[in-house]
């Protein structure tokens, strides 16, 4: 994401071409397809964001605070 739309499109095109190649169908495992050098890159910087709805329990707790226990979800 941090590399921009052109890098994303190039990666998607490469992956699609790989799996569309008739010679690769049924012969390549996911592990073999993912066997390439990888770098850890922060995909994007998100400032001041908290995901309160990361699970049903969190959604219920926030719902209780704003709507009461009877209408939490």
N, C-alpha and C. Protein backbone atom coordinates (compact mmCIF):
# COMPACT_ATOMS: atom_id res chain seq x y z
N UNK A 1 0.82 -1.19 0.00
CA UNK A 1 0.00 0.00 0.00
C UNK A 1 0.86 1.26 0.00
N UNK A 2 1.94 1.24 0.77
CA UNK A 2 2.78 2.42 0.85
C UNK A 2 3.52 2.70 -0.45
N UNK A 3 3.69 1.68 -1.30
CA UNK A 3 4.39 1.87 -2.56
C UNK A 3 3.51 2.49 -3.63
N UNK A 4 2.22 2.55 -3.40
CA UNK A 4 1.33 3.22 -4.34
C UNK A 4 0.61 2.28 -5.29
N UNK A 5 -0.27 2.88 -6.06
CA UNK A 5 -1.18 2.11 -6.92
C UNK A 5 -0.43 1.37 -8.03
N UNK A 6 0.61 1.93 -8.57
CA UNK A 6 1.34 1.27 -9.66
C UNK A 6 2.00 -0.02 -9.18
N UNK A 7 2.60 0.00 -8.00
CA UNK A 7 3.23 -1.21 -7.44
C UNK A 7 2.17 -2.27 -7.16
N UNK A 8 1.02 -1.86 -6.65
CA UNK A 8 -0.06 -2.81 -6.37
C UNK A 8 -0.57 -3.45 -7.66
N UNK A 9 -0.74 -2.65 -8.68
CA UNK A 9 -1.22 -3.18 -9.96
C UNK A 9 -0.20 -4.14 -10.58
N UNK A 10 1.07 -3.79 -10.50
CA UNK A 10 2.11 -4.66 -11.04
C UNK A 10 2.15 -5.99 -10.31
N UNK A 11 2.03 -5.95 -8.99
CA UNK A 11 2.03 -7.19 -8.21
C UNK A 11 0.82 -8.05 -8.55
N UNK A 12 -0.33 -7.42 -8.64
CA UNK A 12 -1.56 -8.17 -8.97
C UNK A 12 -1.46 -8.79 -10.36
N UNK A 13 -0.98 -8.03 -11.33
CA UNK A 13 -0.83 -8.55 -12.69
C UNK A 13 0.11 -9.74 -12.73
N UNK A 14 1.22 -9.65 -12.02
CA UNK A 14 2.20 -10.74 -11.98
C UNK A 14 1.59 -12.00 -11.38
N UNK A 15 0.87 -11.85 -10.29
CA UNK A 15 0.25 -13.00 -9.63
C UNK A 15 -0.82 -13.61 -10.53
N UNK A 16 -1.64 -12.78 -11.17
CA UNK A 16 -2.68 -13.30 -12.06
C UNK A 16 -2.08 -14.06 -13.24
N UNK A 17 -1.03 -13.50 -13.85
CA UNK A 17 -0.39 -14.17 -14.98
C UNK A 17 0.21 -15.50 -14.57
N UNK A 18 0.78 -15.56 -13.39
CA UNK A 18 1.39 -16.78 -12.89
C UNK A 18 0.36 -17.89 -12.80
N UNK A 19 -0.80 -17.60 -12.21
CA UNK A 19 -1.81 -18.62 -12.01
C UNK A 19 -2.62 -18.91 -13.28
N UNK A 20 -2.61 -18.00 -14.24
CA UNK A 20 -3.32 -18.23 -15.49
C UNK A 20 -2.50 -19.05 -16.48
N UNK A 21 -1.21 -19.11 -16.28
CA UNK A 21 -0.32 -19.86 -17.16
C UNK A 21 -0.71 -21.34 -17.11
N UNK A 22 -1.07 -21.90 -18.24
CA UNK A 22 -1.54 -23.29 -18.31
C UNK A 22 -0.50 -24.26 -17.78
N UNK A 23 0.77 -23.93 -17.91
CA UNK A 23 1.83 -24.82 -17.43
C UNK A 23 1.90 -24.90 -15.92
N UNK A 24 1.36 -23.92 -15.22
CA UNK A 24 1.41 -23.92 -13.77
C UNK A 24 0.18 -24.53 -13.12
N UNK A 25 -0.90 -24.69 -13.85
CA UNK A 25 -2.15 -25.17 -13.25
C UNK A 25 -1.96 -26.57 -12.68
N UNK A 26 -2.28 -26.71 -11.40
CA UNK A 26 -2.23 -28.00 -10.76
C UNK A 26 -0.83 -28.47 -10.39
N UNK A 27 0.20 -27.73 -10.73
CA UNK A 27 1.57 -28.18 -10.47
C UNK A 27 2.27 -27.35 -9.40
N UNK A 28 1.66 -26.25 -9.01
CA UNK A 28 2.33 -25.33 -8.10
C UNK A 28 1.57 -25.26 -6.78
N UNK A 29 2.28 -25.46 -5.70
CA UNK A 29 1.65 -25.29 -4.39
C UNK A 29 1.73 -23.83 -3.99
N UNK A 30 0.90 -23.44 -3.04
CA UNK A 30 0.91 -22.06 -2.58
C UNK A 30 2.27 -21.69 -2.00
N UNK A 31 2.91 -22.62 -1.30
CA UNK A 31 4.22 -22.34 -0.72
C UNK A 31 5.26 -22.07 -1.81
N UNK A 32 5.23 -22.85 -2.87
CA UNK A 32 6.18 -22.65 -3.96
C UNK A 32 5.90 -21.33 -4.67
N UNK A 33 4.64 -20.98 -4.82
CA UNK A 33 4.28 -19.72 -5.49
C UNK A 33 4.72 -18.51 -4.67
N UNK A 34 4.79 -18.68 -3.36
CA UNK A 34 5.15 -17.56 -2.49
C UNK A 34 6.63 -17.55 -2.15
N UNK A 35 7.42 -18.38 -2.81
CA UNK A 35 8.84 -18.49 -2.51
C UNK A 35 9.63 -17.41 -3.25
N UNK A 36 9.69 -16.23 -2.67
CA UNK A 36 10.46 -15.12 -3.23
C UNK A 36 10.95 -14.25 -2.08
N UNK A 37 11.92 -13.43 -2.35
CA UNK A 37 12.48 -12.57 -1.32
C UNK A 37 11.43 -11.57 -0.87
N UNK A 38 11.27 -11.47 0.43
CA UNK A 38 10.28 -10.56 0.98
C UNK A 38 10.96 -9.57 1.91
N UNK A 39 10.47 -8.34 1.91
CA UNK A 39 10.96 -7.31 2.82
C UNK A 39 9.81 -6.88 3.70
N UNK A 40 10.09 -6.66 4.97
CA UNK A 40 9.07 -6.14 5.87
C UNK A 40 8.97 -4.64 5.64
N UNK A 41 7.80 -4.21 5.21
CA UNK A 41 7.57 -2.79 4.94
C UNK A 41 6.26 -2.41 5.61
N UNK A 42 6.24 -1.31 6.32
CA UNK A 42 5.01 -0.80 6.89
C UNK A 42 4.11 -0.38 5.74
N UNK A 43 2.95 -1.04 5.57
CA UNK A 43 2.12 -0.77 4.39
C UNK A 43 1.56 0.65 4.36
N UNK A 44 1.25 1.20 5.50
CA UNK A 44 0.75 2.58 5.56
C UNK A 44 0.80 3.05 7.00
N UNK A 45 0.73 4.34 7.19
CA UNK A 45 0.75 4.93 8.52
C UNK A 45 -0.66 5.41 8.84
N UNK A 46 -1.26 4.83 9.86
CA UNK A 46 -2.60 5.23 10.26
C UNK A 46 -2.49 5.94 11.60
N UNK A 47 -2.94 7.16 11.62
CA UNK A 47 -2.82 8.00 12.80
C UNK A 47 -4.15 8.03 13.56
N UNK A 48 -4.07 7.91 14.87
CA UNK A 48 -5.22 8.09 15.76
C UNK A 48 -6.42 7.23 15.37
N UNK A 49 -6.24 5.94 15.21
CA UNK A 49 -7.34 5.05 14.85
C UNK A 49 -7.32 3.83 15.77
N UNK A 50 -8.48 3.49 16.28
CA UNK A 50 -8.63 2.29 17.09
C UNK A 50 -9.82 1.52 16.56
N UNK A 51 -9.65 0.22 16.35
CA UNK A 51 -10.73 -0.61 15.86
C UNK A 51 -11.44 -1.26 17.05
N UNK A 52 -12.53 -0.65 17.48
CA UNK A 52 -13.28 -1.19 18.60
C UNK A 52 -14.07 -2.43 18.21
N UNK A 53 -14.24 -2.66 16.93
CA UNK A 53 -15.05 -3.77 16.46
C UNK A 53 -14.19 -4.91 15.93
N UNK A 54 -13.07 -5.18 16.60
CA UNK A 54 -12.17 -6.23 16.15
C UNK A 54 -12.67 -7.62 16.52
N UNK A 55 -13.68 -7.70 17.36
CA UNK A 55 -14.28 -9.00 17.69
C UNK A 55 -15.71 -8.77 18.16
N UNK A 56 -16.46 -9.84 18.26
CA UNK A 56 -17.84 -9.74 18.73
C UNK A 56 -17.88 -9.20 20.16
N UNK A 57 -16.92 -9.62 20.99
CA UNK A 57 -16.89 -9.14 22.38
C UNK A 57 -16.67 -7.63 22.44
N UNK A 58 -15.76 -7.13 21.63
CA UNK A 58 -15.52 -5.68 21.61
C UNK A 58 -16.74 -4.94 21.10
N UNK A 59 -17.37 -5.46 20.05
CA UNK A 59 -18.57 -4.82 19.52
C UNK A 59 -19.68 -4.80 20.57
N UNK A 60 -19.82 -5.88 21.31
CA UNK A 60 -20.83 -5.94 22.36
C UNK A 60 -20.54 -4.90 23.45
N UNK A 61 -19.29 -4.83 23.89
CA UNK A 61 -18.93 -3.87 24.95
C UNK A 61 -19.20 -2.43 24.53
N UNK A 62 -18.85 -2.07 23.32
CA UNK A 62 -19.10 -0.71 22.83
C UNK A 62 -20.60 -0.48 22.67
N UNK A 63 -21.32 -1.50 22.17
CA UNK A 63 -22.76 -1.39 22.03
C UNK A 63 -23.46 -1.15 23.35
N UNK A 64 -23.00 -1.81 24.40
CA UNK A 64 -23.56 -1.61 25.74
C UNK A 64 -23.35 -0.16 26.18
N UNK A 65 -22.16 0.37 25.92
CA UNK A 65 -21.86 1.75 26.33
C UNK A 65 -22.74 2.77 25.61
N UNK A 66 -23.04 2.53 24.32
CA UNK A 66 -23.79 3.52 23.55
C UNK A 66 -25.29 3.25 23.48
N UNK A 67 -25.70 1.94 23.53
CA UNK A 67 -27.11 1.62 23.29
C UNK A 67 -27.75 0.84 24.44
N UNK A 68 -26.99 0.46 25.44
CA UNK A 68 -27.54 -0.31 26.54
C UNK A 68 -27.42 -1.80 26.29
N UNK A 69 -27.55 -2.59 27.36
CA UNK A 69 -27.32 -4.03 27.27
C UNK A 69 -28.37 -4.74 26.42
N UNK A 70 -29.60 -4.25 26.41
CA UNK A 70 -30.65 -4.93 25.65
C UNK A 70 -30.51 -4.75 24.15
N UNK A 71 -29.80 -3.73 23.71
CA UNK A 71 -29.65 -3.44 22.29
C UNK A 71 -28.17 -3.29 21.91
N UNK A 72 -27.32 -4.07 22.55
CA UNK A 72 -25.87 -3.90 22.38
C UNK A 72 -25.42 -4.20 20.96
N UNK A 73 -25.94 -5.27 20.36
CA UNK A 73 -25.52 -5.63 19.02
C UNK A 73 -26.63 -5.32 18.07
